[in-house]
Amino acid sequence: MNAFAQLKSTSITYPEPVFADTARMTKIRRALPVLDGMYKKYATAMHAPGFVYGVMVDGQLLASGGTGYANIEQKTPATPQSAFRIASMTKSFTAMAILKLRDAGKLRLDDPVSRYVPGFKKQHFPTADAPVVTIRHLLTHAAGLPEDNPWGDRQLAMSDAQLVDFINNGLSYSNNPGVTYEYSNLGFITLGYIIRKVSGKPYQQYINENILKPLGMTQTYWDYGQVPPTQLAHGYRWLEEQWVEQPMLHDGAGGAMGGLITTMEDFGKYMAFYQSAWPASSAPEKGPLKRSSLREIQYPSNLIGQNAQYKYPSGRACSLMAAYGYGIRWSKDCENRVTVGHSGGLPGFGSNWAILPDYGIGLACFANVTYAPTSPIMIRMLDTLATLADLKPRQLRPSSVLNERKAQLVKLLPSWNEAEASGIFAENFFLDYSTSSLRKEATTLFEQAGKIVRVGELVPQNGLRGSFLLEGEKKNLEVSFTLTPDQVPRIQAYYIREKKK
C-alpha cells in the first residue's frame, strides 16, 4: 500500500499573513509630506479654524500635525495635543462596551430592548407584523427609527430620566425593525442607557474604567468643563465670511451617541487597538475587548447600499459597497479594499477616522467647524497613501496541511498512478472525477507545457484552499485544490489548466 494511505492526524499550523513588501515603511514615510500638504490645503478650503490629523501605521501614530487655532480668541494653536469633540466617532466606544458586556454573559445581542428599557414594550410600528426591537437592531441602525440628524445632535445633555420619559411617550418609526438601514442617534443613546442598566454604573464611568483606562487614554473627556482650558478646542461655524463661536454642549445620556472629547495622540491609542485585531492571531489578548469581538464590531452587519458609479477623488472609477457594523461603517471597493471607520459631526465640530485592516494603515482628522465635511478628505488621503506607497494587502501564507497536500499532489502528476490508494483524497473525489480522465487531461497539458522546470510556491486562498504553478519550458500550468473539513483534511476538489505567461 502506498505510504500516503494511512494519514495521521497532526496539528495544522496557520502562519499569520505578512506584508510582502519589505520596503513598505520607507514608501509610506516618503508619502507623508504630500499628505500634510493636502490636509492643510483642505483645512483652508473648508474654512476650518483648526485642523489636526494623524497617520497610523501598524499600531503606531507614525505622523501627526495641525494647522490653525483650537481657540481663535486666545490664538491657541491646534495641535495633536488639542482636545476636540469627536461626535459620532463615539458610537464605536458604545458598541465596544455592549460587546464587552455580551462577552461577560451580561446580555445578548438579540435580547429585546424592552428587557432593559420597558418603554419599548409600548411601541407602535408601521405594521402589526413588525418584530420587537433588539440590541442588535440598535447597534446596526436597523431598529426602524428615523434618521435624526441634526435633532439628535442637540440631545447630548439629555438626562436618563428625560430619555425614559421620551421613550415612554411613544416613538415614531419610519420603518419596521430589521427591514433596512437608517442612521439613528437615539438608538445609540438607548444603548448607553442599557449599558448603565446592565453594568450598574453610569455609561461614562463604564467607558472610562473598561475602555479608556485600559488603553491609556488619559487625555479623553466627556464634558468640556473637564478639559484644561489651554487644551480645549472651541467650536465654530462659518457664517457671512467669518467664524462664529458655537455654544459648547454639556454631556449627559446623549454622550453615548457623540459625547467624547479627545486628542489625536489619545485617539491614536484607540486606533492602534483596532489595528491590533488584524490579522487574527494566537498571541495573548492584551486589550479591553477580545480581538475576535473587535473584529466582529467591524464586520458588515446591515447593508447600506452599492454605488456602482463611485469614483475616487482622483477620478478613478471603482464601484463601492457600503454597510454598517456595530457603531462602525464598512466599505469594500472594486479592488477588494476594505475600509472601516466612522465620521462625526456636531455644532462646532467635524471629525473622521478610518483604517484599511488588510494594509495596516489608518488616518484620523479633527476640525472645529460645524459638520466639517471630513469624509471626502479621508477617502482621498487613504487612497493617496495607498497609491503613492504602492501598498499591497497582507499576503496569506499557506497552512502546513496545504503545503503537505501540494507536495503529495505534485508527486502524482501527470500519471495519477496509485492515486486512489494514496489516501490523500476525500471519499467523494473519485466519484466526481474519473482517474482515466484525470490522467488524460494532465498528460495532455504536461506535453503542451514541455519539461516542468519549476514548481511554484503555493498561493493560499484560505487555510484549506490554494493554487500553485507548474512552470514549463513552453507553457505554465496552474493547479488548484480544496480540502475537506475533516480532522485530517483531504483533497475534495481539483483543477488544472493552462496559465498564460
Protein backbone atom coordinates (compact mmCIF):
# COMPACT_ATOMS: atom_id res chain seq x y z
CA MET A 1 0.00 0.00 0.00
CA ASN A 2 1.19 3.49 -0.77
CA ALA A 3 2.77 5.38 2.13
CA PHE A 4 0.04 8.01 1.90
CA ALA A 5 -2.72 5.52 2.67
CA GLN A 6 -2.58 5.92 6.42
CA LEU A 7 -2.64 9.66 7.07
CA LYS A 8 -2.07 10.58 10.66
CA SER A 9 -3.85 13.39 12.45
CA THR A 10 -1.36 16.18 13.02
CA SER A 11 -1.73 19.67 14.33
CA ILE A 12 -2.34 22.09 11.47
CA THR A 13 -0.40 25.34 11.66
CA TYR A 14 -1.77 28.55 10.14
CA PRO A 15 1.04 31.09 9.72
CA GLU A 16 -0.06 34.71 10.10
CA PRO A 17 -0.29 36.86 6.95
CA VAL A 18 2.65 39.13 6.27
CA PHE A 19 3.40 42.15 4.12
CA ALA A 20 5.40 41.02 1.12
CA ASP A 21 6.99 44.44 0.52
CA THR A 22 9.92 44.90 2.91
CA ALA A 23 10.40 48.50 1.71
CA ARG A 24 6.82 49.35 2.64
CA MET A 25 7.58 51.65 5.59
CA THR A 26 10.10 53.66 3.59
CA LYS A 27 7.49 54.25 0.88
CA ILE A 28 4.92 55.30 3.47
CA ARG A 29 7.30 57.83 5.05
CA ARG A 30 8.01 59.35 1.65
CA ALA A 31 4.28 59.97 1.17
CA LEU A 32 3.82 61.82 4.49
CA PRO A 33 4.81 65.33 3.27
CA VAL A 34 2.28 65.02 0.46
CA LEU A 35 -0.47 64.12 2.94
CA ASP A 36 0.49 67.01 5.21
CA GLY A 37 0.20 69.50 2.36
CA MET A 38 -3.12 68.10 1.18
CA TYR A 39 -4.61 68.21 4.68
CA LYS A 40 -3.60 71.83 5.25
CA LYS A 41 -4.90 72.91 1.83
CA TYR A 42 -8.22 71.20 2.56
CA ALA A 43 -8.49 72.81 6.00
CA THR A 44 -8.22 76.22 4.37
CA ALA A 45 -10.76 75.38 1.69
CA MET A 46 -13.41 74.29 4.20
CA HIS A 47 -12.81 77.29 6.50
CA ALA A 48 -11.73 75.20 9.49
CA PRO A 49 -10.32 77.44 12.26
CA GLY A 50 -8.28 74.45 13.46
CA PHE A 51 -7.47 71.09 11.94
CA VAL A 52 -5.39 68.17 13.20
CA TYR A 53 -4.62 64.80 11.66
CA GLY A 54 -2.87 61.55 12.45
CA VAL A 55 -1.39 58.74 10.35
CA MET A 56 -1.48 55.28 11.94
CA VAL A 57 0.77 52.51 10.64
CA ASP A 58 0.96 49.08 12.24
CA GLY A 59 -0.36 50.30 15.58
CA GLN A 60 1.82 53.41 15.81
CA LEU A 61 0.98 57.08 15.37
CA LEU A 62 3.62 57.49 12.67
CA ALA A 63 2.86 61.13 11.94
CA SER A 64 0.55 63.85 13.17
CA GLY A 65 0.12 67.53 12.58
CA GLY A 66 -2.12 70.51 12.90
CA THR A 67 -2.90 73.89 11.45
CA GLY A 68 -4.87 76.92 12.58
CA TYR A 69 -6.32 77.54 16.02
CA ALA A 70 -8.07 75.50 18.67
CA ASN A 71 -9.20 78.80 20.19
CA ILE A 72 -9.32 81.79 17.85
CA GLU A 73 -9.74 84.41 20.58
CA GLN A 74 -6.74 83.14 22.55
CA LYS A 75 -4.77 82.27 19.38
CA THR A 76 -4.20 78.78 20.80
CA PRO A 77 -2.64 76.59 18.06
CA ALA A 78 -4.43 73.43 17.02
CA THR A 79 -2.04 70.55 17.72
CA PRO A 80 -2.22 66.77 18.23
CA GLN A 81 -2.49 67.62 21.95
CA SER A 82 -5.64 69.74 21.44
CA ALA A 83 -8.88 68.17 22.68
CA PHE A 84 -11.64 68.11 20.04
CA ARG A 85 -15.18 66.81 20.38
CA ILE A 86 -15.34 63.80 18.04
CA ALA A 87 -19.13 63.45 17.96
CA SER A 88 -20.41 60.21 16.38
CA MET A 89 -16.97 58.63 16.41
CA THR A 90 -18.09 57.90 20.00
CA LYS A 91 -20.52 55.27 18.72
CA SER A 92 -17.85 52.60 18.33
CA PHE A 93 -16.94 53.03 22.03
CA THR A 94 -20.59 52.35 22.86
CA ALA A 95 -20.55 49.26 20.66
CA MET A 96 -17.36 48.05 22.30
CA ALA A 97 -18.97 48.37 25.74
CA ILE A 98 -22.03 46.40 24.60
CA LEU A 99 -19.85 43.57 23.28
CA LYS A 100 -17.76 43.57 26.42
CA LEU A 101 -20.94 43.06 28.46
CA ARG A 102 -22.06 40.41 25.96
CA ASP A 103 -18.76 38.55 26.32
CA ALA A 104 -19.19 38.66 30.10
CA GLY A 105 -22.60 36.99 29.76
CA LYS A 106 -24.48 40.08 31.00
CA LEU A 107 -26.62 40.48 27.87
CA ARG A 108 -27.25 39.04 24.41
CA LEU A 109 -27.31 40.99 21.19
CA ASP A 110 -30.67 39.51 20.25
CA ASP A 111 -32.27 40.42 23.57
CA PRO A 112 -35.38 42.60 23.19
CA VAL A 113 -34.55 46.18 24.13
CA SER A 114 -37.70 46.13 26.26
CA ARG A 115 -35.94 43.80 28.71
CA TYR A 116 -33.83 46.78 29.76
CA VAL A 117 -35.99 49.70 28.66
CA PRO A 118 -39.63 48.75 29.46
CA GLY A 119 -40.98 51.64 27.41
CA PHE A 120 -40.12 49.66 24.26
CA LYS A 121 -42.95 47.26 25.06
CA LYS A 122 -45.45 50.00 24.24
CA GLN A 123 -44.17 50.97 20.80
CA HIS A 124 -46.40 51.15 17.73
CA PHE A 125 -44.72 50.13 14.48
CA PRO A 126 -45.82 50.81 10.88
CA THR A 127 -47.42 47.36 10.61
CA ALA A 128 -48.79 44.79 13.03
CA ASP A 129 -46.33 42.07 11.95
CA ALA A 130 -43.23 44.02 13.00
CA PRO A 131 -40.70 42.18 15.18
CA VAL A 132 -39.54 43.53 18.52
CA VAL A 133 -36.54 45.87 18.60
CA THR A 134 -33.34 44.10 19.70
CA ILE A 135 -29.95 45.34 20.88
CA ARG A 136 -28.51 44.19 17.56
CA HIS A 137 -31.02 46.39 15.73
CA LEU A 138 -29.82 49.42 17.69
CA LEU A 139 -26.15 48.61 17.08
CA THR A 140 -26.63 48.37 13.32
CA HIS A 141 -29.14 51.20 12.77
CA ALA A 142 -31.84 48.68 11.90
CA ALA A 143 -34.37 49.50 14.64
CA GLY A 144 -36.72 51.31 12.26
CA LEU A 145 -36.13 54.66 13.97
CA PRO A 146 -35.91 57.66 11.63
CA GLU A 147 -32.67 59.39 10.70
CA ASP A 148 -32.35 62.10 13.36
CA ASN A 149 -29.57 64.47 12.36
CA PRO A 150 -29.46 67.28 13.38
CA TRP A 151 -32.15 66.83 16.09
CA GLY A 152 -30.09 64.16 17.81
CA ASP A 153 -27.01 66.37 17.81
CA ARG A 154 -28.73 68.68 20.28
CA GLN A 155 -29.56 65.90 22.75
CA LEU A 156 -26.13 65.45 24.39
CA ALA A 157 -27.24 66.86 27.74
CA MET A 158 -30.42 64.75 27.91
CA SER A 159 -30.70 63.02 31.31
CA ASP A 160 -31.56 59.37 31.82
CA ALA A 161 -34.93 60.38 33.26
CA GLN A 162 -35.68 62.53 30.21
CA LEU A 163 -34.71 59.67 27.91
CA VAL A 164 -37.04 57.25 29.71
CA ASP A 165 -39.92 59.75 29.59
CA PHE A 166 -39.27 60.39 25.92
CA ILE A 167 -39.45 56.66 25.11
CA ASN A 168 -42.46 56.09 27.36
CA ASN A 169 -44.37 58.77 25.47
CA GLY A 170 -44.06 56.66 22.35
CA LEU A 171 -41.70 56.88 19.38
CA SER A 172 -42.37 57.39 15.70
CA TYR A 173 -40.88 54.80 13.34
CA SER A 174 -40.02 55.27 9.69
CA ASN A 175 -39.73 51.50 9.09
CA ASN A 176 -40.32 48.23 10.83
CA PRO A 177 -37.33 46.89 12.81
CA GLY A 178 -34.92 44.73 10.84
CA VAL A 179 -36.00 45.97 7.40
CA THR A 180 -33.34 48.48 6.36
CA TYR A 181 -30.52 50.78 7.42
CA GLU A 182 -31.38 54.22 8.79
CA TYR A 183 -28.99 56.20 10.96
CA SER A 184 -30.29 56.80 14.48
CA ASN A 185 -28.60 58.78 17.23
CA LEU A 186 -31.50 57.91 19.52
CA GLY A 187 -30.69 54.24 19.06
CA PHE A 188 -27.18 54.74 20.45
CA ILE A 189 -28.41 56.93 23.30
CA THR A 190 -30.65 53.99 24.20
CA LEU A 191 -27.64 51.64 24.07
CA GLY A 192 -25.89 53.91 26.57
CA TYR A 193 -28.86 53.55 28.90
CA ILE A 194 -28.73 49.75 28.51
CA ILE A 195 -25.03 49.81 29.45
CA ARG A 196 -25.97 51.72 32.60
CA LYS A 197 -28.77 49.29 33.49
CA VAL A 198 -26.68 46.16 32.92
CA SER A 199 -23.40 47.34 34.46
CA GLY A 200 -24.93 49.27 37.35
CA LYS A 201 -22.67 52.22 36.52
CA PRO A 202 -23.24 55.46 34.61
CA TYR A 203 -22.39 54.99 30.93
CA GLN A 204 -19.43 57.39 31.05
CA GLN A 205 -17.96 55.69 34.13
CA TYR A 206 -18.22 52.27 32.50
CA ILE A 207 -16.42 53.50 29.35
CA ASN A 208 -13.75 55.25 31.44
CA GLU A 209 -13.00 52.19 33.55
CA ASN A 210 -13.31 49.48 30.92
CA ILE A 211 -12.04 51.10 27.71
CA LEU A 212 -10.29 54.43 28.20
CA LYS A 213 -8.19 53.50 31.23
CA PRO A 214 -7.00 50.10 29.85
CA LEU A 215 -5.97 51.82 26.61
CA GLY A 216 -4.11 54.58 28.46
CA MET A 217 -6.38 57.31 27.08
CA THR A 218 -5.73 59.85 29.84
CA GLN A 219 -6.49 62.93 27.71
CA THR A 220 -10.05 61.94 26.79
CA TYR A 221 -13.06 63.62 28.40
CA TRP A 222 -16.87 63.74 28.38
CA ASP A 223 -17.82 67.25 29.46
CA TYR A 224 -15.92 70.23 28.09
CA GLY A 225 -15.69 71.57 31.64
CA GLN A 226 -13.29 68.72 32.44
CA VAL A 227 -10.78 69.77 29.77
CA PRO A 228 -7.85 72.06 30.66
CA PRO A 229 -8.72 75.44 29.04
CA THR A 230 -5.44 75.61 27.12
CA GLN A 231 -6.14 72.20 25.61
CA LEU A 232 -9.81 72.59 24.68
CA ALA A 233 -10.72 73.15 21.04
CA HIS A 234 -13.62 75.59 20.75
CA GLY A 235 -16.24 75.02 18.07
CA TYR A 236 -17.13 77.46 15.29
CA ARG A 237 -19.49 77.94 12.40
CA TRP A 238 -18.51 79.77 9.18
CA LEU A 239 -21.16 82.44 8.68
CA GLU A 240 -21.09 85.51 6.43
CA GLU A 241 -17.39 85.12 5.71
CA GLN A 242 -16.36 84.87 9.36
CA TRP A 243 -16.09 82.35 12.18
CA VAL A 244 -18.80 82.48 14.80
CA GLU A 245 -18.15 80.57 18.02
CA GLN A 246 -20.79 78.00 18.90
CA PRO A 247 -22.02 77.23 22.42
CA MET A 248 -20.40 74.06 23.76
CA LEU A 249 -22.87 71.30 24.63
CA HIS A 250 -22.77 69.70 28.07
CA ASP A 251 -22.62 65.93 28.40
CA GLY A 252 -25.44 63.65 29.54
CA ALA A 253 -27.21 60.49 28.44
CA GLY A 254 -26.68 61.62 24.87
CA GLY A 255 -22.95 61.14 25.29
CA ALA A 256 -23.34 57.55 24.12
CA MET A 257 -24.05 58.78 20.60
CA GLY A 258 -21.46 61.53 20.34
CA GLY A 259 -20.05 62.97 23.56
CA LEU A 260 -16.34 62.13 23.62
CA ILE A 261 -13.68 64.84 23.57
CA THR A 262 -10.15 63.63 22.85
CA THR A 263 -6.75 64.47 21.42
CA MET A 264 -5.19 62.98 18.31
CA GLU A 265 -2.45 61.46 20.45
CA ASP A 266 -5.03 59.77 22.67
CA PHE A 267 -7.25 58.66 19.81
CA GLY A 268 -4.22 57.09 18.17
CA LYS A 269 -4.19 54.58 21.04
CA TYR A 270 -7.76 53.64 20.22
CA MET A 271 -6.99 53.22 16.53
CA ALA A 272 -3.94 51.14 17.42
CA PHE A 273 -6.21 48.78 19.33
CA TYR A 274 -8.46 48.38 16.29
CA GLN A 275 -5.44 47.69 14.10
CA SER A 276 -4.23 45.08 16.60
CA ALA A 277 -7.26 42.91 15.77
CA TRP A 278 -5.77 42.26 12.31
CA PRO A 279 -4.70 39.74 11.30
CA ALA A 280 -6.26 37.08 13.51
CA SER A 281 -3.56 35.77 15.82
CA SER A 282 -2.80 33.26 18.55
CA ALA A 283 -0.91 35.90 20.56
CA PRO A 284 -2.08 36.66 24.12
CA GLU A 285 -5.04 39.03 24.47
CA LYS A 286 -3.97 42.47 25.69
CA GLY A 287 -6.85 44.87 25.10
CA PRO A 288 -10.09 45.71 26.90
CA LEU A 289 -12.04 43.55 24.42
CA LYS A 290 -11.27 40.20 22.81
CA ARG A 291 -9.75 40.57 19.36
CA SER A 292 -12.44 38.33 17.88
CA SER A 293 -15.13 40.63 19.29
CA LEU A 294 -13.27 43.68 18.00
CA ARG A 295 -13.27 42.15 14.52
CA GLU A 296 -16.97 41.36 14.95
CA ILE A 297 -17.63 45.07 15.53
CA GLN A 298 -16.01 45.80 12.17
CA TYR A 299 -17.89 43.11 10.25
CA PRO A 300 -20.64 44.35 7.86
CA SER A 301 -23.97 43.59 9.51
CA ASN A 302 -26.50 45.86 7.82
CA LEU A 303 -26.29 46.76 4.13
CA ILE A 304 -26.31 50.48 3.36
CA GLY A 305 -26.07 50.16 -0.41
CA GLN A 306 -23.91 49.90 -3.50
CA ASN A 307 -22.63 52.76 -5.62
CA ALA A 308 -21.79 51.27 -8.99
CA GLN A 309 -20.76 54.69 -10.31
CA TYR A 310 -18.45 55.58 -7.43
CA LYS A 311 -15.27 57.46 -8.28
CA TYR A 312 -12.30 58.18 -6.07
CA PRO A 313 -11.28 61.84 -5.80
CA SER A 314 -8.52 61.09 -8.30
CA GLY A 315 -11.26 60.33 -10.85
CA ARG A 316 -10.63 56.58 -10.84
CA ALA A 317 -13.93 54.75 -11.28
CA CYS A 318 -14.39 51.94 -8.77
CA SER A 319 -17.74 50.62 -7.57
CA LEU A 320 -18.23 50.64 -3.81
CA MET A 321 -20.32 48.55 -1.42
CA ALA A 322 -21.16 50.09 1.97
CA ALA A 323 -22.56 48.57 5.15
CA TYR A 324 -22.71 49.18 8.89
CA GLY A 325 -21.17 47.03 11.59
CA TYR A 326 -21.61 47.79 15.28
CA GLY A 327 -21.02 51.54 15.60
CA ILE A 328 -18.69 51.31 12.60
CA ARG A 329 -19.06 51.94 8.89
CA TRP A 330 -17.65 49.34 6.49
CA SER A 331 -17.00 49.50 2.76
CA LYS A 332 -15.37 47.38 0.07
CA ASP A 333 -14.38 48.75 -3.32
CA CYS A 334 -13.92 47.14 -6.73
CA GLU A 335 -10.30 46.33 -5.82
CA ASN A 336 -11.46 44.34 -2.76
CA ARG A 337 -10.07 47.05 -0.49
CA VAL A 338 -11.93 47.11 2.83
CA THR A 339 -12.21 50.32 4.87
CA VAL A 340 -13.72 50.62 8.34
CA GLY A 341 -14.22 53.73 10.45
CA HIS A 342 -16.71 56.47 11.25
CA SER A 343 -17.31 60.17 10.80
CA GLY A 344 -18.55 62.62 13.40
CA GLY A 345 -20.35 65.94 13.32
CA LEU A 346 -21.85 68.27 15.92
CA PRO A 347 -22.40 72.02 16.13
CA GLY A 348 -18.84 73.38 16.02
CA PHE A 349 -17.08 70.16 15.09
CA GLY A 350 -16.43 67.57 12.37
CA SER A 351 -14.19 64.52 12.51
CA ASN A 352 -13.37 61.20 10.89
CA TRP A 353 -11.26 58.09 11.25
CA ALA A 354 -10.69 55.06 9.08
CA ILE A 355 -8.38 52.09 8.79
CA LEU A 356 -7.58 49.67 5.99
CA PRO A 357 -7.34 46.47 8.08
CA ASP A 358 -5.56 44.44 5.40
CA TYR A 359 -2.98 47.18 4.75
CA GLY A 360 -2.05 48.14 8.31
CA ILE A 361 -2.72 51.84 7.79
CA GLY A 362 -5.23 54.32 9.16
CA LEU A 363 -5.97 58.03 9.28
CA ALA A 364 -7.91 60.37 11.54
CA CYS A 365 -8.73 64.07 11.41
CA PHE A 366 -10.48 66.55 13.70
CA ALA A 367 -11.79 70.01 12.78
CA ASN A 368 -13.53 72.66 14.89
CA VAL A 369 -16.09 73.89 12.37
CA THR A 370 -19.72 72.74 12.27
CA TYR A 371 -20.20 69.49 10.35
CA ALA A 372 -16.80 69.76 8.72
CA PRO A 373 -17.03 67.62 5.55
CA THR A 374 -14.24 65.25 6.52
CA SER A 375 -15.32 62.16 4.57
CA PRO A 376 -14.04 63.39 1.17
CA ILE A 377 -10.60 64.26 2.51
CA MET A 378 -10.33 60.97 4.42
CA ILE A 379 -11.16 58.94 1.33
CA ARG A 380 -8.74 60.98 -0.73
CA MET A 381 -5.94 60.68 1.82
CA LEU A 382 -6.28 56.91 2.25
CA ASP A 383 -6.34 56.41 -1.49
CA THR A 384 -3.38 58.76 -1.96
CA LEU A 385 -1.32 56.99 0.71
CA ALA A 386 -2.12 53.56 -0.69
CA THR A 387 -1.28 54.72 -4.22
CA LEU A 388 1.89 56.71 -3.51
CA ALA A 389 3.34 53.97 -1.31
CA ASP A 390 2.16 51.28 -3.76
CA LEU A 391 0.68 49.39 -0.83
CA LYS A 392 -0.41 45.79 -1.16
CA PRO A 393 -2.57 43.86 1.33
CA ARG A 394 -1.13 41.32 3.70
CA GLN A 395 -0.30 38.08 1.95
CA LEU A 396 -1.73 34.88 3.33
CA ARG A 397 0.83 32.17 3.97
CA PRO A 398 -0.15 28.55 3.34
CA SER A 399 -1.13 26.32 6.21
CA SER A 400 1.01 23.28 6.91
CA VAL A 401 -1.63 20.91 5.53
CA LEU A 402 -1.93 22.84 2.26
CA ASN A 403 1.81 22.57 1.72
CA GLU A 404 1.70 18.89 2.57
CA ARG A 405 -1.13 18.10 0.15
CA LYS A 406 0.55 20.16 -2.56
CA ALA A 407 3.74 18.12 -2.32
CA GLN A 408 1.76 14.88 -2.40
CA LEU A 409 -0.30 16.01 -5.37
CA VAL A 410 2.78 17.04 -7.36
CA LYS A 411 4.18 13.50 -7.00
CA LEU A 412 1.05 12.06 -8.58
CA LEU A 413 1.06 14.30 -11.65
CA PRO A 414 0.64 13.67 -14.52
CA SER A 415 0.25 9.88 -14.32
CA TRP A 416 -2.11 9.68 -11.34
CA ASN A 417 -0.61 6.24 -10.64
CA GLU A 418 -1.87 4.74 -7.36
CA ALA A 419 -3.82 7.94 -6.68
CA GLU A 420 -6.82 6.03 -5.31
CA ALA A 421 -4.61 4.22 -2.84
CA SER A 422 -2.75 7.33 -1.72
CA GLY A 423 -5.21 8.27 1.00
CA ILE A 424 -4.94 12.00 0.30
CA PHE A 425 -8.29 12.24 -1.49
CA ALA A 426 -11.73 12.57 0.10
CA GLU A 427 -14.41 9.92 -0.33
CA ASN A 428 -16.20 12.00 -2.93
CA PHE A 429 -13.19 12.62 -5.12
CA PHE A 430 -13.15 9.54 -7.35
CA LEU A 431 -16.93 9.55 -7.54
CA ASP A 432 -16.70 13.06 -9.03
CA TYR A 433 -13.52 12.58 -11.06
CA SER A 434 -12.59 9.66 -13.30
CA THR A 435 -8.97 8.56 -12.83
CA SER A 436 -8.57 7.86 -16.52
CA SER A 437 -9.94 11.29 -17.41
CA LEU A 438 -7.67 12.96 -14.86
CA ARG A 439 -4.66 11.12 -16.31
CA LYS A 440 -5.57 12.00 -19.89
CA GLU A 441 -6.14 15.67 -19.07
CA ALA A 442 -2.91 16.06 -17.08
CA THR A 443 -0.79 14.15 -19.62
CA THR A 444 -2.04 16.31 -22.48
CA LEU A 445 -1.38 19.55 -20.59
CA PHE A 446 2.09 18.38 -19.49
CA GLU A 447 3.00 17.58 -23.09
CA GLN A 448 1.90 21.05 -24.17
CA ALA A 449 3.83 22.67 -21.32
CA GLY A 450 7.07 20.82 -22.02
CA LYS A 451 9.54 19.97 -19.31
CA ILE A 452 8.49 21.28 -15.89
CA VAL A 453 11.39 23.42 -14.77
CA ARG A 454 9.93 24.76 -11.54
CA VAL A 455 7.12 24.13 -9.08
CA GLY A 456 5.89 27.48 -7.82
CA GLU A 457 5.03 28.48 -4.28
CA LEU A 458 1.55 27.67 -3.06
CA VAL A 459 -0.77 30.68 -3.10
CA PRO A 460 -3.45 30.15 -0.44
CA GLN A 461 -6.98 31.46 -0.76
CA ASN A 462 -7.58 30.38 2.83
CA GLY A 463 -6.34 27.70 5.18
CA LEU A 464 -7.85 24.84 3.15
CA ARG A 465 -7.78 26.09 -0.44
CA GLY A 466 -4.94 27.17 -2.68
CA SER A 467 -3.20 27.02 -6.04
CA PHE A 468 0.32 26.79 -7.46
CA LEU A 469 2.09 27.00 -10.80
CA LEU A 470 3.95 24.30 -12.67
CA GLU A 471 6.33 26.30 -14.84
CA GLY A 472 7.06 24.53 -18.12
CA GLU A 473 9.54 25.25 -20.89
CA LYS A 474 6.67 26.09 -23.26
CA LYS A 475 3.69 26.86 -21.05
CA ASN A 476 2.75 27.23 -17.42
CA LEU A 477 0.08 25.17 -15.72
CA GLU A 478 -2.00 26.21 -12.71
CA VAL A 479 -3.16 23.60 -10.23
CA SER A 480 -5.80 24.47 -7.65
CA PHE A 481 -7.33 22.27 -4.97
CA THR A 482 -9.67 22.40 -1.97
CA LEU A 483 -9.51 20.33 1.21
CA THR A 484 -12.29 18.84 3.35
CA PRO A 485 -13.28 19.89 6.88
CA ASP A 486 -12.13 16.51 8.29
CA GLN A 487 -9.78 16.37 11.23
CA VAL A 488 -7.31 15.15 8.63
CA PRO A 489 -8.18 17.33 5.62
CA ARG A 490 -8.14 15.58 2.25
CA ILE A 491 -8.48 16.81 -1.32
CA GLN A 492 -12.13 17.10 -2.30
CA ALA A 493 -11.79 19.26 -5.45
CA TYR A 494 -9.01 19.72 -8.01
CA TYR A 495 -8.49 21.72 -11.19
CA ILE A 496 -5.62 22.04 -13.67
CA ARG A 497 -5.43 24.47 -16.57
CA GLU A 498 -3.04 26.39 -18.78
CA LYS A 499 -1.92 29.67 -17.23
CA LYS A 500 -0.83 32.40 -19.61
CA LYS A 501 2.74 33.56 -19.04
